[in-house]
Structure formats: C-alpha cells, structure tokens
C-alpha atoms as a PDB file:
ATOM      1  CA  UNK A   1      17.732 -24.130  -7.886  1.00  0.00           C
ATOM      2  CA  UNK A   2      16.347 -20.843  -9.890  1.00  0.00           C
ATOM      3  CA  UNK A   3      12.924 -22.192  -8.693  1.00  0.00           C
ATOM      4  CA  UNK A   4      13.961 -22.062  -4.865  1.00  0.00           C
ATOM      5  CA  UNK A   5      15.630 -18.582  -5.543  1.00  0.00           C
ATOM      6  CA  UNK A   6      12.519 -17.287  -7.153  1.00  0.00           C
ATOM      7  CA  UNK A   7      10.469 -18.596  -4.069  1.00  0.00           C
ATOM      8  CA  UNK A   8      12.461 -16.975  -1.482  1.00  0.00           C
ATOM      9  CA  UNK A   9      12.408 -13.611  -3.609  1.00  0.00           C
ATOM     10  CA  UNK A  10       8.696 -13.695  -3.910  1.00  0.00           C
ATOM     11  CA  UNK A  11       8.556 -14.197   0.097  1.00  0.00           C
ATOM     12  CA  UNK A  12      10.921 -11.320   0.591  1.00  0.00           C
ATOM     13  CA  UNK A  13       8.980  -9.091  -1.732  1.00  0.00           C
ATOM     14  CA  UNK A  14       5.463 -10.164  -0.320  1.00  0.00           C
ATOM     15  CA  UNK A  15       5.498  -8.366   3.164  1.00  0.00           C
ATOM     16  CA  UNK A  16       6.899  -5.396   1.514  1.00  0.00           C
ATOM     17  CA  UNK A  17       4.410  -5.159  -1.171  1.00  0.00           C
ATOM     18  CA  UNK A  18       1.451  -5.661   1.518  1.00  0.00           C
ATOM     19  CA  UNK A  19       2.966  -3.004   3.665  1.00  0.00           C
ATOM     20  CA  UNK A  20       2.982  -0.717   0.362  1.00  0.00           C
ATOM     21  CA  UNK A  21      -0.588  -1.411  -0.387  1.00  0.00           C
ATOM     22  CA  UNK A  22      -1.663  -0.808   3.263  1.00  0.00           C
ATOM     23  CA  UNK A  23       0.302   2.704   3.182  1.00  0.00           C
ATOM     24  CA  UNK A  24      -1.270   3.170  -0.324  1.00  0.00           C
ATOM     25  CA  UNK A  25      -4.846   2.481   1.025  1.00  0.00           C
ATOM     26  CA  UNK A  26      -4.464   4.845   4.067  1.00  0.00           C
ATOM     27  CA  UNK A  27      -2.985   7.630   2.060  1.00  0.00           C
ATOM     28  CA  UNK A  28      -5.968   7.269  -0.261  1.00  0.00           C
ATOM     29  CA  UNK A  29      -8.406   7.645   2.634  1.00  0.00           C
ATOM     30  CA  UNK A  30      -6.554  10.359   4.276  1.00  0.00           C
ATOM     31  CA  UNK A  31      -6.692  12.500   0.986  1.00  0.00           C
ATOM     32  CA  UNK A  32     -10.406  11.647   0.425  1.00  0.00           C
ATOM     33  CA  UNK A  33     -11.216  12.678   3.891  1.00  0.00           C
ATOM     34  CA  UNK A  34      -9.092  15.933   3.402  1.00  0.00           C
ATOM     35  CA  UNK A  35     -11.136  16.521   0.373  1.00  0.00           C
ATOM     36  CA  UNK A  36     -14.386  16.143   2.297  1.00  0.00           C
ATOM     37  CA  UNK A  37     -13.241  18.453   4.992  1.00  0.00           C
ATOM     38  CA  UNK A  38     -12.472  21.289   2.284  1.00  0.00           C
ATOM     39  CA  UNK A  39     -16.019  20.552   0.740  1.00  0.00           C
ATOM     40  CA  UNK A  40     -17.625  21.119   4.199  1.00  0.00           C
ATOM     41  CA  UNK A  41     -15.740  24.299   4.779  1.00  0.00           C
ATOM     42  CA  UNK A  42     -16.808  26.027   1.509  1.00  0.00           C
END
C-alpha cells in the first residue's frame, strides 16, 4: 500500500517538477539575454 502511494505521489510531483525546470531554464535564458543586452549598450 505504501509503495502504491509513493508511486502516485511521484506521478503527481513529476509534471510539476518538469514545469518548474522548464520555467527555471527560461528564466536563466532571459536573464542571460538581458545581461548581453546591457553589455552591448555600454
């Protein structure tokens, strides 16, 4: 029973985790791009 519960919890968490990872990647990419923009302006 415990195993089944752990599995369903994992299945619930995984999509959230993937979404967060995607968001974090996008955020890093955006901040890098902004840093390049500032460097170009100077």
